[in-house]
Amino acid sequence: MKLKSMMARLNACKVDDEVLKHSRLARAGNRLIQLAEILRFIEPALALVAMLILMSAPALAQGGTIFGQDDQSIGNGFRQMIRYGRNLMYLLGVVGVGWAVVNYMTEKAYMKQGIGGFASFGIGGITQLVQSFSQGNAVDLDTDLGK
């Protein structure tokens, strides 16, 4: 599908064949436009490769492996990312509910902010659960409601 759209774009930048036949500058310009379309098509892959090279270059320059000597560094990084995500969701929940309260007091629409705030709290709770599991902690559910 994407390849068809790229081919359609390449064919869309056609110049009159008579002009292309007699003008070297028109042929060069047509090729540059086609090259730009091809680069635009592969740009996401080039960005990913460049990002990987730039991120791994400092680690490789030190003579070590990309993730260092500690084999737990990937897991530790993932746990930190989950922790920051959880904290961000709780913060967004506080902001959303606070915004809803202010809008309610000023008699403006407030439900979207309230729902968004409570949804952020819910996502924060889910990420807290994931963090607990990632640290190897068991999560006990109190099914007898404290009896």
N, C-alpha and C. Protein backbone atom coordinates (compact mmCIF):
# COMPACT_ATOMS: atom_id res chain seq x y z
N MET A 1 0.83 -1.18 0.00
CA MET A 1 0.00 0.00 0.00
C MET A 1 0.88 1.25 0.00
N LYS A 2 1.84 1.29 0.89
CA LYS A 2 2.72 2.44 0.99
C LYS A 2 3.60 2.56 -0.25
N LEU A 3 4.02 1.41 -0.79
CA LEU A 3 4.85 1.42 -1.98
C LEU A 3 4.07 1.95 -3.18
N LYS A 4 2.79 1.61 -3.26
CA LYS A 4 1.96 2.12 -4.35
C LYS A 4 1.82 3.64 -4.27
N SER A 5 1.66 4.15 -3.04
CA SER A 5 1.53 5.60 -2.90
C SER A 5 2.84 6.30 -3.25
N MET A 6 3.98 5.65 -2.93
CA MET A 6 5.25 6.26 -3.30
C MET A 6 5.42 6.27 -4.81
N MET A 7 5.04 5.18 -5.47
CA MET A 7 5.15 5.13 -6.93
C MET A 7 4.23 6.16 -7.58
N ALA A 8 3.05 6.35 -6.99
CA ALA A 8 2.14 7.36 -7.53
C ALA A 8 2.73 8.75 -7.38
N ARG A 9 3.40 9.00 -6.25
CA ARG A 9 4.05 10.31 -6.06
C ARG A 9 5.21 10.50 -7.03
N LEU A 10 5.96 9.43 -7.28
CA LEU A 10 7.07 9.55 -8.23
C LEU A 10 6.56 9.84 -9.63
N ASN A 11 5.45 9.23 -10.00
CA ASN A 11 4.89 9.46 -11.32
C ASN A 11 4.16 10.79 -11.42
N ALA A 12 3.77 11.36 -10.29
CA ALA A 12 3.03 12.62 -10.31
C ALA A 12 3.93 13.80 -10.66
N CYS A 13 5.21 13.67 -10.46
CA CYS A 13 6.11 14.80 -10.73
C CYS A 13 6.72 14.68 -12.13
N LYS A 14 5.90 14.32 -13.08
CA LYS A 14 6.36 14.19 -14.47
C LYS A 14 6.42 15.56 -15.13
N VAL A 15 7.42 15.71 -15.95
CA VAL A 15 7.58 16.89 -16.77
C VAL A 15 7.37 16.47 -18.21
N ASP A 16 7.00 17.40 -19.04
CA ASP A 16 6.78 17.12 -20.46
C ASP A 16 7.99 16.40 -21.03
N ASP A 17 7.75 15.30 -21.76
CA ASP A 17 8.85 14.50 -22.31
C ASP A 17 9.72 15.30 -23.26
N GLU A 18 9.14 16.22 -23.97
CA GLU A 18 9.91 17.05 -24.91
C GLU A 18 10.90 17.94 -24.15
N VAL A 19 10.46 18.46 -23.02
CA VAL A 19 11.34 19.30 -22.20
C VAL A 19 12.46 18.44 -21.61
N LEU A 20 12.11 17.25 -21.14
CA LEU A 20 13.12 16.36 -20.57
C LEU A 20 14.15 15.94 -21.61
N LYS A 21 13.70 15.76 -22.82
CA LYS A 21 14.60 15.33 -23.88
C LYS A 21 15.65 16.39 -24.21
N HIS A 22 15.28 17.65 -24.14
CA HIS A 22 16.18 18.73 -24.57
C HIS A 22 16.87 19.47 -23.43
N SER A 23 16.44 19.27 -22.19
CA SER A 23 17.01 20.05 -21.10
C SER A 23 17.64 19.15 -20.06
N ARG A 24 18.95 19.31 -19.93
CA ARG A 24 19.68 18.56 -18.91
C ARG A 24 19.26 19.01 -17.51
N LEU A 25 19.00 20.31 -17.35
CA LEU A 25 18.59 20.86 -16.07
C LEU A 25 17.22 20.30 -15.64
N ALA A 26 16.30 20.14 -16.59
CA ALA A 26 14.98 19.57 -16.28
C ALA A 26 15.12 18.12 -15.85
N ARG A 27 16.00 17.36 -16.51
CA ARG A 27 16.21 15.96 -16.12
C ARG A 27 16.82 15.88 -14.73
N ALA A 28 17.80 16.74 -14.44
CA ALA A 28 18.42 16.74 -13.12
C ALA A 28 17.40 17.13 -12.04
N GLY A 29 16.58 18.12 -12.32
CA GLY A 29 15.56 18.54 -11.37
C GLY A 29 14.54 17.44 -11.11
N ASN A 30 14.15 16.75 -12.18
CA ASN A 30 13.19 15.64 -12.05
C ASN A 30 13.78 14.53 -11.19
N ARG A 31 15.05 14.21 -11.40
CA ARG A 31 15.71 13.18 -10.59
C ARG A 31 15.82 13.61 -9.13
N LEU A 32 16.10 14.89 -8.87
CA LEU A 32 16.19 15.38 -7.50
C LEU A 32 14.84 15.29 -6.79
N ILE A 33 13.77 15.59 -7.52
CA ILE A 33 12.43 15.47 -6.93
C ILE A 33 12.13 14.01 -6.60
N GLN A 34 12.47 13.11 -7.50
CA GLN A 34 12.25 11.69 -7.25
C GLN A 34 13.09 11.20 -6.08
N LEU A 35 14.34 11.65 -5.99
CA LEU A 35 15.20 11.28 -4.87
C LEU A 35 14.64 11.80 -3.55
N ALA A 36 14.09 13.02 -3.57
CA ALA A 36 13.48 13.56 -2.36
C ALA A 36 12.28 12.73 -1.93
N GLU A 37 11.49 12.26 -2.86
CA GLU A 37 10.34 11.41 -2.52
C GLU A 37 10.79 10.08 -1.94
N ILE A 38 11.86 9.52 -2.49
CA ILE A 38 12.37 8.25 -1.97
C ILE A 38 12.92 8.45 -0.55
N LEU A 39 13.65 9.54 -0.33
CA LEU A 39 14.16 9.83 1.01
C LEU A 39 13.03 10.05 2.01
N ARG A 40 11.97 10.69 1.54
CA ARG A 40 10.81 10.90 2.40
C ARG A 40 10.16 9.57 2.78
N PHE A 41 10.20 8.61 1.89
CA PHE A 41 9.62 7.30 2.14
C PHE A 41 10.42 6.52 3.18
N ILE A 42 11.76 6.60 3.12
CA ILE A 42 12.61 5.82 4.02
C ILE A 42 13.06 6.62 5.24
N GLU A 43 12.55 7.84 5.40
CA GLU A 43 12.97 8.71 6.49
C GLU A 43 12.76 8.10 7.89
N PRO A 44 11.65 7.43 8.18
CA PRO A 44 11.51 6.85 9.53
C PRO A 44 12.57 5.80 9.83
N ALA A 45 12.91 4.98 8.85
CA ALA A 45 13.95 3.97 9.07
C ALA A 45 15.31 4.64 9.28
N LEU A 46 15.60 5.68 8.52
CA LEU A 46 16.86 6.40 8.69
C LEU A 46 16.94 7.06 10.06
N ALA A 47 15.82 7.60 10.54
CA ALA A 47 15.81 8.23 11.86
C ALA A 47 16.07 7.20 12.95
N LEU A 48 15.49 6.01 12.82
CA LEU A 48 15.69 4.95 13.80
C LEU A 48 17.15 4.50 13.83
N VAL A 49 17.73 4.31 12.66
CA VAL A 49 19.13 3.88 12.58
C VAL A 49 20.04 4.95 13.17
N ALA A 50 19.77 6.22 12.83
CA ALA A 50 20.60 7.31 13.37
C ALA A 50 20.48 7.39 14.88
N MET A 51 19.27 7.20 15.41
CA MET A 51 19.08 7.24 16.85
C MET A 51 19.85 6.10 17.53
N LEU A 52 19.79 4.91 16.97
CA LEU A 52 20.51 3.78 17.56
C LEU A 52 22.02 4.01 17.54
N ILE A 53 22.51 4.55 16.45
CA ILE A 53 23.95 4.82 16.34
C ILE A 53 24.37 5.88 17.36
N LEU A 54 23.58 6.96 17.45
CA LEU A 54 23.95 8.04 18.36
C LEU A 54 23.84 7.62 19.82
N MET A 55 22.90 6.75 20.13
CA MET A 55 22.74 6.33 21.52
C MET A 55 23.79 5.30 21.93
N SER A 56 24.23 4.48 21.00
CA SER A 56 25.19 3.44 21.37
C SER A 56 26.63 3.89 21.20
N ALA A 57 26.88 4.98 20.50
CA ALA A 57 28.26 5.42 20.26
C ALA A 57 29.01 5.73 21.56
N PRO A 58 28.45 6.47 22.53
CA PRO A 58 29.21 6.73 23.75
C PRO A 58 29.55 5.46 24.53
N ALA A 59 28.65 4.50 24.56
CA ALA A 59 28.92 3.26 25.29
C ALA A 59 30.01 2.44 24.59
N LEU A 60 29.95 2.42 23.27
CA LEU A 60 30.96 1.66 22.54
C LEU A 60 32.32 2.35 22.58
N ALA A 61 32.33 3.68 22.72
CA ALA A 61 33.59 4.41 22.78
C ALA A 61 34.35 4.10 24.07
N GLN A 62 33.66 3.66 25.10
CA GLN A 62 34.31 3.35 26.37
C GLN A 62 34.90 1.94 26.37
N GLY A 63 34.68 1.21 25.31
CA GLY A 63 35.26 -0.11 25.21
C GLY A 63 34.44 -1.20 25.85
N GLY A 64 33.28 -0.86 26.38
CA GLY A 64 32.44 -1.85 27.03
C GLY A 64 31.28 -2.25 26.14
N THR A 65 30.39 -2.99 26.72
CA THR A 65 29.20 -3.35 25.98
C THR A 65 28.20 -2.19 26.05
N ILE A 66 27.15 -2.27 25.29
CA ILE A 66 26.17 -1.19 25.26
C ILE A 66 25.49 -1.05 26.61
N PHE A 67 25.17 -2.14 27.27
CA PHE A 67 24.44 -2.09 28.53
C PHE A 67 25.34 -2.20 29.75
N GLY A 68 26.65 -2.13 29.58
CA GLY A 68 27.57 -2.19 30.71
C GLY A 68 27.78 -3.62 31.19
N GLN A 69 28.43 -3.74 32.33
CA GLN A 69 28.76 -5.05 32.87
C GLN A 69 27.58 -5.68 33.60
N ASP A 70 26.64 -4.85 34.04
CA ASP A 70 25.51 -5.35 34.82
C ASP A 70 24.44 -5.89 33.88
N ASP A 71 24.12 -7.17 34.03
CA ASP A 71 23.11 -7.77 33.16
C ASP A 71 21.70 -7.37 33.57
N GLN A 72 21.54 -6.69 34.68
CA GLN A 72 20.22 -6.25 35.14
C GLN A 72 19.90 -4.83 34.71
N SER A 73 20.79 -4.19 33.95
CA SER A 73 20.58 -2.77 33.64
C SER A 73 19.35 -2.54 32.77
N ILE A 74 19.01 -3.46 31.89
CA ILE A 74 17.80 -3.29 31.08
C ILE A 74 16.57 -3.37 31.97
N GLY A 75 16.53 -4.32 32.86
CA GLY A 75 15.40 -4.45 33.78
C GLY A 75 15.29 -3.26 34.71
N ASN A 76 16.44 -2.77 35.20
CA ASN A 76 16.41 -1.60 36.08
C ASN A 76 15.90 -0.37 35.34
N GLY A 77 16.33 -0.21 34.10
CA GLY A 77 15.85 0.92 33.30
C GLY A 77 14.37 0.83 33.03
N PHE A 78 13.88 -0.38 32.77
CA PHE A 78 12.45 -0.57 32.54
C PHE A 78 11.64 -0.26 33.80
N ARG A 79 12.15 -0.69 34.95
CA ARG A 79 11.45 -0.40 36.21
C ARG A 79 11.43 1.10 36.49
N GLN A 80 12.52 1.79 36.21
CA GLN A 80 12.55 3.24 36.40
C GLN A 80 11.55 3.93 35.47
N MET A 81 11.47 3.44 34.23
CA MET A 81 10.54 4.02 33.26
C MET A 81 9.10 3.83 33.75
N ILE A 82 8.79 2.66 34.29
CA ILE A 82 7.45 2.41 34.82
C ILE A 82 7.19 3.33 36.02
N ARG A 83 8.20 3.51 36.87
CA ARG A 83 8.02 4.38 38.05
C ARG A 83 7.73 5.82 37.64
N TYR A 84 8.50 6.32 36.65
CA TYR A 84 8.26 7.68 36.18
C TYR A 84 6.90 7.81 35.51
N GLY A 85 6.49 6.79 34.77
CA GLY A 85 5.17 6.81 34.15
C GLY A 85 4.06 6.83 35.19
N ARG A 86 4.23 6.05 36.24
CA ARG A 86 3.24 6.03 37.33
C ARG A 86 3.14 7.39 37.99
N ASN A 87 4.27 7.98 38.30
CA ASN A 87 4.26 9.30 38.94
C ASN A 87 3.63 10.35 38.04
N LEU A 88 3.91 10.26 36.74
CA LEU A 88 3.33 11.21 35.80
C LEU A 88 1.81 11.05 35.73
N MET A 89 1.32 9.82 35.74
CA MET A 89 -0.12 9.59 35.69
C MET A 89 -0.80 10.12 36.94
N TYR A 90 -0.21 9.90 38.11
CA TYR A 90 -0.79 10.45 39.34
C TYR A 90 -0.81 11.97 39.30
N LEU A 91 0.28 12.58 38.82
CA LEU A 91 0.33 14.03 38.72
C LEU A 91 -0.73 14.55 37.75
N LEU A 92 -0.87 13.89 36.60
CA LEU A 92 -1.91 14.30 35.65
C LEU A 92 -3.30 14.12 36.23
N GLY A 93 -3.49 13.09 37.05
CA GLY A 93 -4.77 12.89 37.71
C GLY A 93 -5.10 14.03 38.66
N VAL A 94 -4.11 14.46 39.44
CA VAL A 94 -4.32 15.57 40.36
C VAL A 94 -4.65 16.84 39.59
N VAL A 95 -3.90 17.10 38.52
CA VAL A 95 -4.15 18.29 37.70
C VAL A 95 -5.53 18.23 37.06
N GLY A 96 -5.90 17.07 36.51
CA GLY A 96 -7.20 16.94 35.85
C GLY A 96 -8.36 17.13 36.80
N VAL A 97 -8.30 16.51 37.98
CA VAL A 97 -9.38 16.66 38.95
C VAL A 97 -9.42 18.10 39.47
N GLY A 98 -8.25 18.68 39.70
CA GLY A 98 -8.21 20.08 40.14
C GLY A 98 -8.80 21.02 39.10
N TRP A 99 -8.49 20.77 37.85
CA TRP A 99 -9.03 21.58 36.76
C TRP A 99 -10.55 21.42 36.69
N ALA A 100 -11.03 20.20 36.88
CA ALA A 100 -12.47 19.96 36.87
C ALA A 100 -13.15 20.70 38.01
N VAL A 101 -12.54 20.71 39.19
CA VAL A 101 -13.12 21.42 40.33
C VAL A 101 -13.19 22.91 40.06
N VAL A 102 -12.10 23.47 39.51
CA VAL A 102 -12.11 24.90 39.19
C VAL A 102 -13.18 25.21 38.14
N ASN A 103 -13.29 24.38 37.11
CA ASN A 103 -14.31 24.59 36.10
C ASN A 103 -15.71 24.44 36.67
N TYR A 104 -15.92 23.52 37.61
CA TYR A 104 -17.22 23.36 38.24
C TYR A 104 -17.59 24.61 39.04
N MET A 105 -16.60 25.16 39.75
CA MET A 105 -16.87 26.34 40.57
C MET A 105 -17.12 27.58 39.71
N THR A 106 -16.54 27.63 38.53
CA THR A 106 -16.77 28.77 37.64
C THR A 106 -17.89 28.51 36.65
N GLU A 107 -18.63 27.43 36.85
CA GLU A 107 -19.78 27.06 36.04
C GLU A 107 -19.43 26.88 34.56
N LYS A 108 -18.33 26.20 34.32
CA LYS A 108 -17.92 25.84 32.97
C LYS A 108 -18.04 24.32 32.83
N ALA A 109 -17.83 23.83 31.61
CA ALA A 109 -17.85 22.38 31.40
C ALA A 109 -16.70 21.75 32.18
N TYR A 110 -17.00 20.68 32.92
CA TYR A 110 -15.98 20.10 33.79
C TYR A 110 -15.87 18.58 33.69
N MET A 111 -16.80 17.92 33.03
CA MET A 111 -16.82 16.46 33.04
C MET A 111 -15.62 15.84 32.33
N LYS A 112 -15.21 16.41 31.20
CA LYS A 112 -14.07 15.83 30.48
C LYS A 112 -12.80 15.87 31.32
N GLN A 113 -12.59 16.98 32.01
CA GLN A 113 -11.40 17.07 32.86
C GLN A 113 -11.49 16.11 34.03
N GLY A 114 -12.69 15.98 34.61
CA GLY A 114 -12.86 15.05 35.72
C GLY A 114 -12.66 13.61 35.29
N ILE A 115 -13.25 13.25 34.16
CA ILE A 115 -13.08 11.87 33.66
C ILE A 115 -11.61 11.61 33.32
N GLY A 116 -10.97 12.59 32.69
CA GLY A 116 -9.55 12.44 32.36
C GLY A 116 -8.69 12.31 33.61
N GLY A 117 -9.01 13.09 34.65
CA GLY A 117 -8.25 13.01 35.90
C GLY A 117 -8.40 11.65 36.56
N PHE A 118 -9.65 11.16 36.63
CA PHE A 118 -9.86 9.86 37.24
C PHE A 118 -9.28 8.73 36.40
N ALA A 119 -9.30 8.89 35.08
CA ALA A 119 -8.67 7.89 34.20
C ALA A 119 -7.16 7.87 34.42
N SER A 120 -6.57 9.04 34.62
CA SER A 120 -5.13 9.09 34.91
C SER A 120 -4.81 8.41 36.22
N PHE A 121 -5.67 8.60 37.24
CA PHE A 121 -5.47 7.87 38.49
C PHE A 121 -5.56 6.36 38.26
N GLY A 122 -6.51 5.94 37.43
CA GLY A 122 -6.65 4.51 37.13
C GLY A 122 -5.43 3.95 36.43
N ILE A 123 -4.92 4.69 35.46
CA ILE A 123 -3.72 4.22 34.75
C ILE A 123 -2.52 4.23 35.70
N GLY A 124 -2.46 5.22 36.59
CA GLY A 124 -1.40 5.24 37.59
C GLY A 124 -1.46 4.03 38.50
N GLY A 125 -2.67 3.62 38.87
CA GLY A 125 -2.83 2.42 39.69
C GLY A 125 -2.40 1.17 38.95
N ILE A 126 -2.72 1.09 37.67
CA ILE A 126 -2.30 -0.06 36.86
C ILE A 126 -0.78 -0.10 36.74
N THR A 127 -0.16 1.06 36.52
CA THR A 127 1.31 1.07 36.44
C THR A 127 1.94 0.74 37.79
N GLN A 128 1.28 1.12 38.90
CA GLN A 128 1.78 0.72 40.22
C GLN A 128 1.74 -0.79 40.35
N LEU A 129 0.67 -1.42 39.85
CA LEU A 129 0.56 -2.87 39.89
C LEU A 129 1.66 -3.52 39.05
N VAL A 130 1.92 -2.97 37.86
CA VAL A 130 2.98 -3.50 37.00
C VAL A 130 4.33 -3.34 37.67
N GLN A 131 4.55 -2.20 38.34
CA GLN A 131 5.82 -1.99 39.03
C GLN A 131 5.98 -2.98 40.16
N SER A 132 4.92 -3.25 40.89
CA SER A 132 5.00 -4.23 41.98
C SER A 132 5.36 -5.60 41.44
N PHE A 133 4.74 -5.99 40.34
CA PHE A 133 5.07 -7.28 39.72
C PHE A 133 6.50 -7.30 39.21
N SER A 134 6.97 -6.18 38.63
CA SER A 134 8.33 -6.16 38.08
C SER A 134 9.39 -6.24 39.16
N GLN A 135 9.05 -5.83 40.39
CA GLN A 135 9.99 -5.92 41.50
C GLN A 135 9.87 -7.26 42.23
N GLY A 136 8.97 -8.10 41.76
CA GLY A 136 8.81 -9.41 42.37
C GLY A 136 7.94 -9.43 43.60
N ASN A 137 7.22 -8.35 43.85
CA ASN A 137 6.35 -8.29 45.03
C ASN A 137 4.99 -8.89 44.68
N ALA A 138 4.44 -9.65 45.59
CA ALA A 138 3.10 -10.19 45.40
C ALA A 138 2.09 -9.13 45.81
N VAL A 139 1.00 -9.09 45.09
CA VAL A 139 -0.06 -8.15 45.40
C VAL A 139 -1.23 -8.96 45.95
N ASP A 140 -1.51 -8.76 47.24
CA ASP A 140 -2.59 -9.50 47.88
C ASP A 140 -3.90 -8.75 47.70
N LEU A 141 -4.93 -9.48 47.32
CA LEU A 141 -6.27 -8.92 47.22
C LEU A 141 -7.06 -9.36 48.44
N ASP A 142 -7.58 -8.39 49.17
CA ASP A 142 -8.34 -8.68 50.38
C ASP A 142 -9.79 -8.98 49.97
N THR A 143 -10.10 -10.28 49.80
CA THR A 143 -11.42 -10.66 49.33
C THR A 143 -12.45 -10.74 50.45
N ASP A 144 -12.01 -10.81 51.71
CA ASP A 144 -12.98 -10.89 52.80
C ASP A 144 -13.26 -9.51 53.41
N LEU A 145 -12.77 -8.46 52.80
CA LEU A 145 -13.02 -7.07 53.18
C LEU A 145 -12.69 -6.80 54.64
N GLY A 146 -11.55 -7.31 55.08
CA GLY A 146 -11.04 -7.00 56.41
C GLY A 146 -11.65 -7.80 57.55
N LYS A 147 -12.37 -8.84 57.29
CA LYS A 147 -12.99 -9.63 58.38
C LYS A 147 -11.99 -10.53 59.02
